[in-house]
Amino acid sequence: MEKERSWTTGKELEFIEYLAAKRDAVALLSGYLTGMHYRTDFGDMDPNQVLRFACDRLAACQRRAA
């Protein structure tokens, strides 16, 4: 079995879900989105899909915290 050589969209979405499940999800996802602006290597992932997903998760976490 060959190992994946690059980060995929699916793996990134799993990571975002992991962040969203944390107690400090709003801060974590906000930091994640800030960092995405500086990212230059997206591997095999779709950055637009990942950004939309992260924004949606952040908005959901903010609604829960309100």
N, C-alpha and C. Protein backbone atom coordinates (compact mmCIF):
# COMPACT_ATOMS: atom_id res chain seq x y z
N MET A 1 0.84 -1.18 0.00
CA MET A 1 0.00 0.00 0.00
C MET A 1 0.89 1.24 0.00
N GLU A 2 0.59 2.14 -0.89
CA GLU A 2 1.39 3.35 -1.02
C GLU A 2 0.86 4.44 -0.09
N LYS A 3 1.76 5.15 0.57
CA LYS A 3 1.37 6.23 1.47
C LYS A 3 0.96 7.46 0.67
N GLU A 4 0.02 8.22 1.23
CA GLU A 4 -0.33 9.50 0.61
C GLU A 4 0.86 10.43 0.72
N ARG A 5 1.11 11.17 -0.33
CA ARG A 5 2.27 12.06 -0.34
C ARG A 5 1.90 13.51 -0.08
N SER A 6 0.63 13.78 -0.07
CA SER A 6 0.21 15.17 0.09
C SER A 6 -1.06 15.23 0.92
N TRP A 7 -1.29 16.36 1.49
CA TRP A 7 -2.48 16.59 2.29
C TRP A 7 -3.66 16.73 1.35
N THR A 8 -4.75 16.04 1.64
CA THR A 8 -5.93 16.05 0.77
C THR A 8 -7.02 16.92 1.38
N THR A 9 -8.00 17.24 0.56
CA THR A 9 -9.14 18.02 1.04
C THR A 9 -9.83 17.28 2.18
N GLY A 10 -10.04 15.99 2.02
CA GLY A 10 -10.70 15.21 3.06
C GLY A 10 -9.97 15.25 4.39
N LYS A 11 -8.66 15.12 4.35
CA LYS A 11 -7.86 15.17 5.58
C LYS A 11 -7.93 16.55 6.23
N GLU A 12 -7.93 17.58 5.42
CA GLU A 12 -8.01 18.95 5.96
C GLU A 12 -9.37 19.19 6.60
N LEU A 13 -10.44 18.68 5.97
CA LEU A 13 -11.78 18.83 6.54
C LEU A 13 -11.88 18.08 7.87
N GLU A 14 -11.26 16.91 7.95
CA GLU A 14 -11.22 16.18 9.22
C GLU A 14 -10.51 16.99 10.30
N PHE A 15 -9.43 17.64 9.94
CA PHE A 15 -8.68 18.47 10.89
C PHE A 15 -9.55 19.64 11.37
N ILE A 16 -10.27 20.26 10.46
CA ILE A 16 -11.14 21.39 10.82
C ILE A 16 -12.24 20.91 11.77
N GLU A 17 -12.81 19.74 11.50
CA GLU A 17 -13.82 19.16 12.40
C GLU A 17 -13.23 18.93 13.79
N TYR A 18 -11.99 18.47 13.83
CA TYR A 18 -11.29 18.26 15.10
C TYR A 18 -11.18 19.59 15.86
N LEU A 19 -10.79 20.65 15.17
CA LEU A 19 -10.70 21.97 15.82
C LEU A 19 -12.06 22.43 16.30
N ALA A 20 -13.09 22.22 15.50
CA ALA A 20 -14.44 22.68 15.83
C ALA A 20 -15.01 21.96 17.05
N ALA A 21 -14.49 20.79 17.37
CA ALA A 21 -14.98 20.02 18.51
C ALA A 21 -14.33 20.44 19.83
N LYS A 22 -13.33 21.28 19.77
CA LYS A 22 -12.62 21.70 20.98
C LYS A 22 -13.39 22.79 21.72
N ARG A 23 -13.12 22.91 23.02
CA ARG A 23 -13.79 23.93 23.84
C ARG A 23 -13.49 25.34 23.32
N ASP A 24 -12.27 25.58 22.88
CA ASP A 24 -11.89 26.90 22.37
C ASP A 24 -11.92 26.93 20.83
N ALA A 25 -12.96 26.33 20.26
CA ALA A 25 -13.08 26.19 18.81
C ALA A 25 -13.08 27.53 18.09
N VAL A 26 -13.73 28.54 18.65
CA VAL A 26 -13.79 29.84 17.97
C VAL A 26 -12.39 30.40 17.79
N ALA A 27 -11.59 30.38 18.83
CA ALA A 27 -10.22 30.89 18.73
C ALA A 27 -9.38 30.03 17.79
N LEU A 28 -9.53 28.72 17.88
CA LEU A 28 -8.75 27.82 17.02
C LEU A 28 -9.09 28.00 15.55
N LEU A 29 -10.38 28.06 15.24
CA LEU A 29 -10.78 28.22 13.85
C LEU A 29 -10.44 29.61 13.32
N SER A 30 -10.54 30.61 14.16
CA SER A 30 -10.14 31.97 13.75
C SER A 30 -8.66 31.99 13.40
N GLY A 31 -7.85 31.37 14.25
CA GLY A 31 -6.42 31.28 13.98
C GLY A 31 -6.12 30.47 12.73
N TYR A 32 -6.86 29.40 12.54
CA TYR A 32 -6.69 28.58 11.34
C TYR A 32 -6.95 29.41 10.08
N LEU A 33 -8.05 30.16 10.09
CA LEU A 33 -8.39 30.98 8.92
C LEU A 33 -7.36 32.08 8.69
N THR A 34 -6.85 32.67 9.75
CA THR A 34 -5.79 33.67 9.61
C THR A 34 -4.56 33.03 8.95
N GLY A 35 -4.20 31.86 9.41
CA GLY A 35 -3.05 31.17 8.85
C GLY A 35 -3.23 30.77 7.40
N MET A 36 -4.45 30.49 7.00
CA MET A 36 -4.71 30.10 5.61
C MET A 36 -4.32 31.21 4.64
N HIS A 37 -4.40 32.46 5.07
CA HIS A 37 -4.03 33.58 4.19
C HIS A 37 -2.55 33.55 3.84
N TYR A 38 -1.75 32.94 4.70
CA TYR A 38 -0.30 32.89 4.48
C TYR A 38 0.17 31.58 3.86
N ARG A 39 -0.73 30.65 3.73
CA ARG A 39 -0.36 29.32 3.22
C ARG A 39 -0.09 29.39 1.72
N THR A 40 0.98 28.75 1.30
CA THR A 40 1.33 28.74 -0.13
C THR A 40 1.26 27.34 -0.73
N ASP A 41 1.41 26.31 0.09
CA ASP A 41 1.37 24.93 -0.41
C ASP A 41 0.09 24.27 0.07
N PHE A 42 -0.81 24.01 -0.87
CA PHE A 42 -2.08 23.40 -0.52
C PHE A 42 -2.12 21.91 -0.85
N GLY A 43 -1.00 21.36 -1.28
CA GLY A 43 -0.95 19.93 -1.58
C GLY A 43 -2.02 19.55 -2.58
N ASP A 44 -2.77 18.50 -2.25
CA ASP A 44 -3.84 18.03 -3.13
C ASP A 44 -5.22 18.49 -2.67
N MET A 45 -5.26 19.54 -1.89
CA MET A 45 -6.57 19.97 -1.41
C MET A 45 -7.10 21.16 -2.21
N ASP A 46 -8.41 21.30 -2.15
CA ASP A 46 -9.11 22.41 -2.80
C ASP A 46 -9.22 23.53 -1.76
N PRO A 47 -8.40 24.58 -1.88
CA PRO A 47 -8.39 25.61 -0.84
C PRO A 47 -9.73 26.34 -0.71
N ASN A 48 -10.46 26.49 -1.80
CA ASN A 48 -11.75 27.17 -1.71
C ASN A 48 -12.75 26.36 -0.90
N GLN A 49 -12.80 25.06 -1.12
CA GLN A 49 -13.70 24.20 -0.36
C GLN A 49 -13.31 24.19 1.11
N VAL A 50 -12.03 24.13 1.38
CA VAL A 50 -11.54 24.11 2.76
C VAL A 50 -11.88 25.42 3.47
N LEU A 51 -11.68 26.54 2.81
CA LEU A 51 -12.00 27.84 3.41
C LEU A 51 -13.49 27.97 3.70
N ARG A 52 -14.32 27.56 2.75
CA ARG A 52 -15.78 27.62 2.97
C ARG A 52 -16.17 26.77 4.17
N PHE A 53 -15.61 25.58 4.24
CA PHE A 53 -15.93 24.65 5.33
C PHE A 53 -15.50 25.24 6.68
N ALA A 54 -14.31 25.79 6.72
CA ALA A 54 -13.80 26.38 7.97
C ALA A 54 -14.66 27.58 8.38
N CYS A 55 -15.04 28.40 7.43
CA CYS A 55 -15.90 29.56 7.74
C CYS A 55 -17.25 29.11 8.26
N ASP A 56 -17.82 28.08 7.64
CA ASP A 56 -19.10 27.54 8.10
C ASP A 56 -19.00 27.00 9.52
N ARG A 57 -17.93 26.26 9.80
CA ARG A 57 -17.75 25.70 11.14
C ARG A 57 -17.54 26.81 12.17
N LEU A 58 -16.78 27.83 11.80
CA LEU A 58 -16.56 28.96 12.71
C LEU A 58 -17.88 29.65 13.02
N ALA A 59 -18.69 29.90 11.99
CA ALA A 59 -19.98 30.56 12.20
C ALA A 59 -20.88 29.72 13.11
N ALA A 60 -20.88 28.41 12.92
CA ALA A 60 -21.69 27.53 13.77
C ALA A 60 -21.20 27.58 15.22
N CYS A 61 -19.90 27.58 15.41
CA CYS A 61 -19.35 27.65 16.77
C CYS A 61 -19.66 28.99 17.43
N GLN A 62 -19.62 30.06 16.65
CA GLN A 62 -19.94 31.38 17.19
C GLN A 62 -21.41 31.46 17.60
N ARG A 63 -22.28 30.85 16.81
CA ARG A 63 -23.71 30.84 17.16
C ARG A 63 -23.94 30.06 18.46
N ARG A 64 -23.24 28.93 18.60
CA ARG A 64 -23.38 28.13 19.82
C ARG A 64 -22.86 28.87 21.05
N ALA A 65 -21.83 29.67 20.86
CA ALA A 65 -21.21 30.39 21.98
C ALA A 65 -22.03 31.61 22.39
N ALA A 66 -22.89 32.09 21.51
CA ALA A 66 -23.66 33.31 21.79
C ALA A 66 -24.80 33.06 22.76
